[in-house]
C-alpha atoms as a PDB file:
ATOM      1  CA  MET A   1     -25.402 -33.185 -17.215  1.00  0.00           C
ATOM      2  CA  SER A   2     -26.852 -29.905 -18.761  1.00  0.00           C
ATOM      3  CA  GLU A   3     -25.844 -28.380 -21.995  1.00  0.00           C
ATOM      4  CA  ASN A   4     -24.571 -24.964 -20.772  1.00  0.00           C
ATOM      5  CA  TYR A   5     -24.814 -24.615 -17.139  1.00  0.00           C
ATOM      6  CA  LEU A   6     -23.199 -21.485 -15.401  1.00  0.00           C
ATOM      7  CA  THR A   7     -25.244 -20.634 -12.330  1.00  0.00           C
ATOM      8  CA  ILE A   8     -24.080 -17.232 -10.393  1.00  0.00           C
ATOM      9  CA  GLN A   9     -25.709 -16.667  -7.093  1.00  0.00           C
ATOM     10  CA  SER A  10     -25.023 -13.030  -5.313  1.00  0.00           C
ATOM     11  CA  GLU A  11     -25.109 -12.256  -1.732  1.00  0.00           C
ATOM     12  CA  LYS A  12     -24.327  -8.815  -0.172  1.00  0.00           C
ATOM     13  CA  PHE A  13     -21.811  -8.670   2.549  1.00  0.00           C
ATOM     14  CA  GLN A  14     -20.611  -5.769   4.774  1.00  0.00           C
ATOM     15  CA  LYS A  15     -17.245  -5.871   6.254  1.00  0.00           C
ATOM     16  CA  ASP A  16     -17.735  -3.624   9.354  1.00  0.00           C
ATOM     17  CA  GLU A  17     -20.581  -1.476  10.494  1.00  0.00           C
ATOM     18  CA  ASN A  18     -19.057   1.657   8.658  1.00  0.00           C
ATOM     19  CA  SER A  19     -18.132   0.094   5.386  1.00  0.00           C
ATOM     20  CA  GLU A  20     -20.323  -0.045   2.558  1.00  0.00           C
ATOM     21  CA  PRO A  21     -21.936  -3.518   1.268  1.00  0.00           C
ATOM     22  CA  VAL A  22     -19.974  -5.565  -1.173  1.00  0.00           C
ATOM     23  CA  GLU A  23     -21.177  -8.192  -3.318  1.00  0.00           C
ATOM     24  CA  GLY A  24     -20.152 -11.728  -2.938  1.00  0.00           C
ATOM     25  CA  LEU A  25     -20.626 -14.151  -5.936  1.00  0.00           C
ATOM     26  CA  THR A  26     -20.978 -17.915  -5.760  1.00  0.00           C
ATOM     27  CA  ILE A  27     -20.394 -19.508  -9.326  1.00  0.00           C
ATOM     28  CA  ILE A  28     -21.682 -23.046 -10.113  1.00  0.00           C
ATOM     29  CA  ILE A  29     -19.918 -24.540 -13.205  1.00  0.00           C
ATOM     30  CA  ASP A  30     -21.485 -27.652 -15.021  1.00  0.00           C
ATOM     31  CA  GLY A  31     -21.917 -28.886 -18.560  1.00  0.00           C
ATOM     32  CA  LYS A  32     -20.025 -27.819 -21.514  1.00  0.00           C
ATOM     33  CA  VAL A  33     -18.417 -24.809 -19.260  1.00  0.00           C
ATOM     34  CA  LYS A  34     -17.066 -27.487 -17.106  1.00  0.00           C
ATOM     35  CA  GLN A  35     -15.630 -29.521 -20.042  1.00  0.00           C
ATOM     36  CA  VAL A  36     -13.720 -26.236 -21.164  1.00  0.00           C
ATOM     37  CA  PHE A  37     -12.431 -25.692 -17.603  1.00  0.00           C
ATOM     38  CA  ASP A  38     -11.091 -29.179 -17.300  1.00  0.00           C
ATOM     39  CA  LYS A  39      -9.662 -28.953 -20.667  1.00  0.00           C
ATOM     40  CA  ILE A  40      -7.918 -25.562 -19.521  1.00  0.00           C
ATOM     41  CA  LYS A  41      -6.810 -26.868 -16.176  1.00  0.00           C
ATOM     42  CA  LEU A  42      -5.203 -29.866 -17.811  1.00  0.00           C
ATOM     43  CA  GLU A  43      -3.391 -27.980 -20.797  1.00  0.00           C
ATOM     44  CA  LYS A  44      -2.330 -25.286 -18.690  1.00  0.00           C
ATOM     45  CA  GLY A  45      -1.558 -26.512 -15.390  1.00  0.00           C
ATOM     46  CA  TYR A  46      -4.173 -24.844 -13.269  1.00  0.00           C
ATOM     47  CA  ASN A  47      -4.973 -26.181  -9.783  1.00  0.00           C
ATOM     48  CA  SER A  48      -8.395 -25.094  -9.558  1.00  0.00           C
ATOM     49  CA  TYR A  49     -11.444 -23.554 -11.349  1.00  0.00           C
ATOM     50  CA  SER A  50     -10.819 -20.417  -9.279  1.00  0.00           C
ATOM     51  CA  GLU A  51      -7.677 -19.678 -11.043  1.00  0.00           C
ATOM     52  CA  ILE A  52      -8.779 -20.206 -14.396  1.00  0.00           C
ATOM     53  CA  LEU A  53     -11.490 -17.859 -13.741  1.00  0.00           C
ATOM     54  CA  ARG A  54      -9.288 -15.309 -12.057  1.00  0.00           C
ATOM     55  CA  ASP A  55      -7.114 -15.328 -15.023  1.00  0.00           C
ATOM     56  CA  ALA A  56     -10.320 -15.181 -17.437  1.00  0.00           C
ATOM     57  CA  ILE A  57     -11.519 -11.962 -15.533  1.00  0.00           C
ATOM     58  CA  PHE A  58      -8.426 -10.207 -15.344  1.00  0.00           C
ATOM     59  CA  ASN A  59      -7.264 -10.581 -18.910  1.00  0.00           C
ATOM     60  CA  GLY A  60     -10.574  -9.296 -19.897  1.00  0.00           C
ATOM     61  CA  ILE A  61     -10.439  -6.442 -17.923  1.00  0.00           C
ATOM     62  CA  LYS A  62      -6.390  -5.884 -19.041  1.00  0.00           C
ATOM     63  CA  ASP A  63      -7.744  -6.076 -22.632  1.00  0.00           C
ATOM     64  CA  ARG A  64     -10.646  -3.277 -21.967  1.00  0.00           C
ATOM     65  CA  LYS A  65      -7.951  -0.787 -20.379  1.00  0.00           C
ATOM     66  CA  SER A  66     -10.341   2.037 -21.382  1.00  0.00           C
ATOM     67  CA  VAL A  67     -13.220   0.648 -19.295  1.00  0.00           C
ATOM     68  CA  VAL A  68     -10.930   0.454 -15.958  1.00  0.00           C
END
């Protein structure tokens, strides 16, 4: 297990012929980051890492209202 391991892979997608491209992300969580996610999952009752990441992103955005 690596010390801190968070890999983000990016790929471009296009919904249809006339839409602008969107970016899709694949996130690989391992090491200490995984340990933190496991602890949050257990303590807060989350069902998946994606729920944890969703809330972390949305709460971060909510805290930075002036940016959005």
